[in-house]
Amino acid sequence: MKTLRELLGDISQEELARRIGVSVVTVSRWERGVTPATFTIPQMKAFIRELKSVGIDIENFPDDLSPFRFP
């Protein structure tokens, strides 16, 4: 998830949380590997919009986001 934040312009955990509608604690847990990234449908749509804004297509995602790497 940290790599994704960097791709979105090196935004903070707080900013990512606000943009996709989750708590900053949730983003922190995702990044530390405490809990897997799970989304409601509205959160997933917001996440996909954020990725599209920097040219990332959800179809290119691996099935497992950890570790997450882009070519």
N, C-alpha and C. Protein backbone atom coordinates (compact mmCIF):
# COMPACT_ATOMS: atom_id res chain seq x y z
N MET A 1 0.83 -1.19 0.00
CA MET A 1 0.00 0.00 0.00
C MET A 1 0.87 1.25 0.00
N LYS A 2 2.02 1.18 0.65
CA LYS A 2 2.89 2.34 0.66
C LYS A 2 3.36 2.67 -0.75
N THR A 3 3.67 1.65 -1.53
CA THR A 3 4.08 1.87 -2.92
C THR A 3 2.96 2.58 -3.68
N LEU A 4 1.74 2.19 -3.42
CA LEU A 4 0.61 2.85 -4.09
C LEU A 4 0.50 4.31 -3.68
N ARG A 5 0.71 4.59 -2.40
CA ARG A 5 0.67 5.99 -1.95
C ARG A 5 1.76 6.80 -2.64
N GLU A 6 2.93 6.20 -2.81
CA GLU A 6 4.02 6.89 -3.50
C GLU A 6 3.64 7.17 -4.95
N LEU A 7 3.03 6.20 -5.60
CA LEU A 7 2.60 6.38 -6.99
C LEU A 7 1.52 7.46 -7.13
N LEU A 8 0.76 7.66 -6.07
CA LEU A 8 -0.29 8.69 -6.09
C LEU A 8 0.26 10.07 -5.72
N GLY A 9 1.55 10.21 -5.75
CA GLY A 9 2.16 11.50 -5.46
C GLY A 9 2.74 11.59 -4.06
N ASP A 10 3.10 10.43 -3.52
CA ASP A 10 3.66 10.35 -2.17
C ASP A 10 2.75 11.01 -1.14
N ILE A 11 1.46 10.68 -1.24
CA ILE A 11 0.48 11.22 -0.30
C ILE A 11 0.61 10.52 1.05
N SER A 12 0.11 11.16 2.09
CA SER A 12 0.17 10.59 3.43
C SER A 12 -0.87 9.49 3.61
N GLN A 13 -0.70 8.72 4.66
CA GLN A 13 -1.71 7.72 5.01
C GLN A 13 -3.04 8.40 5.25
N GLU A 14 -3.00 9.55 5.91
CA GLU A 14 -4.23 10.29 6.19
C GLU A 14 -4.94 10.71 4.91
N GLU A 15 -4.16 11.16 3.92
CA GLU A 15 -4.76 11.61 2.66
C GLU A 15 -5.37 10.43 1.90
N LEU A 16 -4.66 9.32 1.84
CA LEU A 16 -5.22 8.14 1.17
C LEU A 16 -6.49 7.69 1.87
N ALA A 17 -6.46 7.64 3.19
CA ALA A 17 -7.64 7.24 3.95
C ALA A 17 -8.83 8.14 3.63
N ARG A 18 -8.60 9.44 3.60
CA ARG A 18 -9.67 10.39 3.29
C ARG A 18 -10.21 10.17 1.89
N ARG A 19 -9.33 9.99 0.94
CA ARG A 19 -9.75 9.84 -0.46
C ARG A 19 -10.57 8.59 -0.72
N ILE A 20 -10.28 7.51 0.00
CA ILE A 20 -11.01 6.27 -0.28
C ILE A 20 -12.04 5.92 0.79
N GLY A 21 -12.12 6.72 1.84
CA GLY A 21 -13.18 6.52 2.83
C GLY A 21 -12.91 5.46 3.86
N VAL A 22 -11.65 5.34 4.28
CA VAL A 22 -11.32 4.43 5.38
C VAL A 22 -10.59 5.24 6.45
N SER A 23 -10.34 4.64 7.58
CA SER A 23 -9.61 5.34 8.64
C SER A 23 -8.11 5.25 8.39
N VAL A 24 -7.38 6.19 8.96
CA VAL A 24 -5.92 6.16 8.86
C VAL A 24 -5.37 4.93 9.56
N VAL A 25 -6.03 4.48 10.61
CA VAL A 25 -5.61 3.26 11.30
C VAL A 25 -5.69 2.07 10.35
N THR A 26 -6.73 2.04 9.53
CA THR A 26 -6.90 0.96 8.55
C THR A 26 -5.74 0.96 7.56
N VAL A 27 -5.42 2.13 7.01
CA VAL A 27 -4.31 2.22 6.05
C VAL A 27 -3.01 1.78 6.73
N SER A 28 -2.78 2.21 7.94
CA SER A 28 -1.58 1.82 8.67
C SER A 28 -1.51 0.31 8.86
N ARG A 29 -2.62 -0.29 9.21
CA ARG A 29 -2.65 -1.76 9.40
C ARG A 29 -2.37 -2.48 8.09
N TRP A 30 -2.93 -1.97 6.98
CA TRP A 30 -2.65 -2.57 5.67
C TRP A 30 -1.16 -2.52 5.38
N GLU A 31 -0.56 -1.36 5.59
CA GLU A 31 0.85 -1.19 5.26
C GLU A 31 1.77 -2.02 6.15
N ARG A 32 1.39 -2.24 7.38
CA ARG A 32 2.21 -3.04 8.29
C ARG A 32 1.93 -4.52 8.15
N GLY A 33 0.95 -4.89 7.34
CA GLY A 33 0.61 -6.29 7.15
C GLY A 33 -0.18 -6.90 8.29
N VAL A 34 -0.75 -6.03 9.14
CA VAL A 34 -1.55 -6.51 10.27
C VAL A 34 -2.87 -7.09 9.78
N THR A 35 -3.48 -6.42 8.80
CA THR A 35 -4.73 -6.90 8.20
C THR A 35 -4.62 -6.77 6.69
N PRO A 36 -5.30 -7.66 5.95
CA PRO A 36 -5.29 -7.53 4.50
C PRO A 36 -6.16 -6.35 4.08
N ALA A 37 -5.84 -5.78 2.93
CA ALA A 37 -6.64 -4.68 2.40
C ALA A 37 -7.98 -5.22 1.93
N THR A 38 -9.04 -4.75 2.57
CA THR A 38 -10.40 -5.10 2.15
C THR A 38 -11.18 -3.81 1.97
N PHE A 39 -12.11 -3.82 1.03
CA PHE A 39 -12.85 -2.62 0.68
C PHE A 39 -14.34 -2.90 0.54
N THR A 40 -15.15 -1.91 0.85
CA THR A 40 -16.55 -1.95 0.46
C THR A 40 -16.58 -1.56 -1.02
N ILE A 41 -17.70 -1.72 -1.67
CA ILE A 41 -17.81 -1.34 -3.08
C ILE A 41 -17.52 0.15 -3.27
N PRO A 42 -18.11 1.06 -2.48
CA PRO A 42 -17.78 2.49 -2.66
C PRO A 42 -16.29 2.79 -2.42
N GLN A 43 -15.69 2.11 -1.46
CA GLN A 43 -14.26 2.32 -1.21
C GLN A 43 -13.42 1.82 -2.39
N MET A 44 -13.80 0.67 -2.94
CA MET A 44 -13.08 0.12 -4.09
C MET A 44 -13.21 1.06 -5.29
N LYS A 45 -14.40 1.60 -5.51
CA LYS A 45 -14.57 2.54 -6.62
C LYS A 45 -13.69 3.77 -6.43
N ALA A 46 -13.62 4.28 -5.22
CA ALA A 46 -12.77 5.44 -4.93
C ALA A 46 -11.30 5.08 -5.14
N PHE A 47 -10.91 3.91 -4.71
CA PHE A 47 -9.53 3.45 -4.88
C PHE A 47 -9.17 3.34 -6.35
N ILE A 48 -10.07 2.76 -7.14
CA ILE A 48 -9.84 2.61 -8.57
C ILE A 48 -9.75 3.97 -9.25
N ARG A 49 -10.59 4.92 -8.84
CA ARG A 49 -10.51 6.29 -9.39
C ARG A 49 -9.15 6.91 -9.11
N GLU A 50 -8.65 6.72 -7.89
CA GLU A 50 -7.34 7.26 -7.53
C GLU A 50 -6.25 6.65 -8.40
N LEU A 51 -6.31 5.34 -8.59
CA LEU A 51 -5.31 4.68 -9.42
C LEU A 51 -5.38 5.15 -10.87
N LYS A 52 -6.59 5.26 -11.39
CA LYS A 52 -6.76 5.73 -12.77
C LYS A 52 -6.20 7.13 -12.95
N SER A 53 -6.27 7.94 -11.91
CA SER A 53 -5.78 9.32 -12.00
C SER A 53 -4.28 9.38 -12.28
N VAL A 54 -3.56 8.31 -11.98
CA VAL A 54 -2.12 8.26 -12.26
C VAL A 54 -1.79 7.18 -13.29
N GLY A 55 -2.81 6.74 -14.04
CA GLY A 55 -2.59 5.82 -15.15
C GLY A 55 -2.42 4.36 -14.79
N ILE A 56 -2.89 3.94 -13.62
CA ILE A 56 -2.78 2.54 -13.22
C ILE A 56 -4.12 1.86 -13.42
N ASP A 57 -4.11 0.75 -14.14
CA ASP A 57 -5.32 -0.02 -14.43
C ASP A 57 -5.43 -1.18 -13.45
N ILE A 58 -6.57 -1.31 -12.81
CA ILE A 58 -6.81 -2.37 -11.82
C ILE A 58 -6.62 -3.76 -12.42
N GLU A 59 -6.80 -3.90 -13.71
CA GLU A 59 -6.63 -5.19 -14.38
C GLU A 59 -5.18 -5.68 -14.30
N ASN A 60 -4.25 -4.77 -14.08
CA ASN A 60 -2.83 -5.15 -14.02
C ASN A 60 -2.37 -5.51 -12.61
N PHE A 61 -3.27 -5.47 -11.65
CA PHE A 61 -2.92 -5.80 -10.27
C PHE A 61 -2.65 -7.29 -10.13
N PRO A 62 -1.68 -7.63 -9.27
CA PRO A 62 -1.50 -9.04 -8.93
C PRO A 62 -2.65 -9.48 -8.00
N ASP A 63 -2.84 -10.76 -7.87
CA ASP A 63 -3.89 -11.26 -6.98
C ASP A 63 -3.57 -11.00 -5.52
N ASP A 64 -2.30 -10.90 -5.19
CA ASP A 64 -1.87 -10.65 -3.82
C ASP A 64 -1.12 -9.33 -3.81
N LEU A 65 -1.54 -8.39 -2.99
CA LEU A 65 -0.92 -7.07 -2.97
C LEU A 65 0.33 -6.97 -2.10
N SER A 66 0.78 -8.06 -1.52
CA SER A 66 1.99 -7.95 -0.72
C SER A 66 2.97 -9.07 -1.10
N PRO A 67 4.16 -8.76 -1.50
CA PRO A 67 4.62 -7.39 -1.75
C PRO A 67 4.06 -6.89 -3.07
N PHE A 68 3.86 -5.60 -3.15
CA PHE A 68 3.23 -5.00 -4.32
C PHE A 68 4.30 -4.32 -5.15
N ARG A 69 4.40 -4.69 -6.40
CA ARG A 69 5.40 -4.09 -7.28
C ARG A 69 4.80 -3.77 -8.62
N PHE A 70 5.23 -2.66 -9.18
CA PHE A 70 4.83 -2.30 -10.54
C PHE A 70 6.04 -2.44 -11.44
N PRO A 71 5.79 -2.77 -12.70
CA PRO A 71 6.92 -2.89 -13.65
C PRO A 71 7.61 -1.55 -13.87
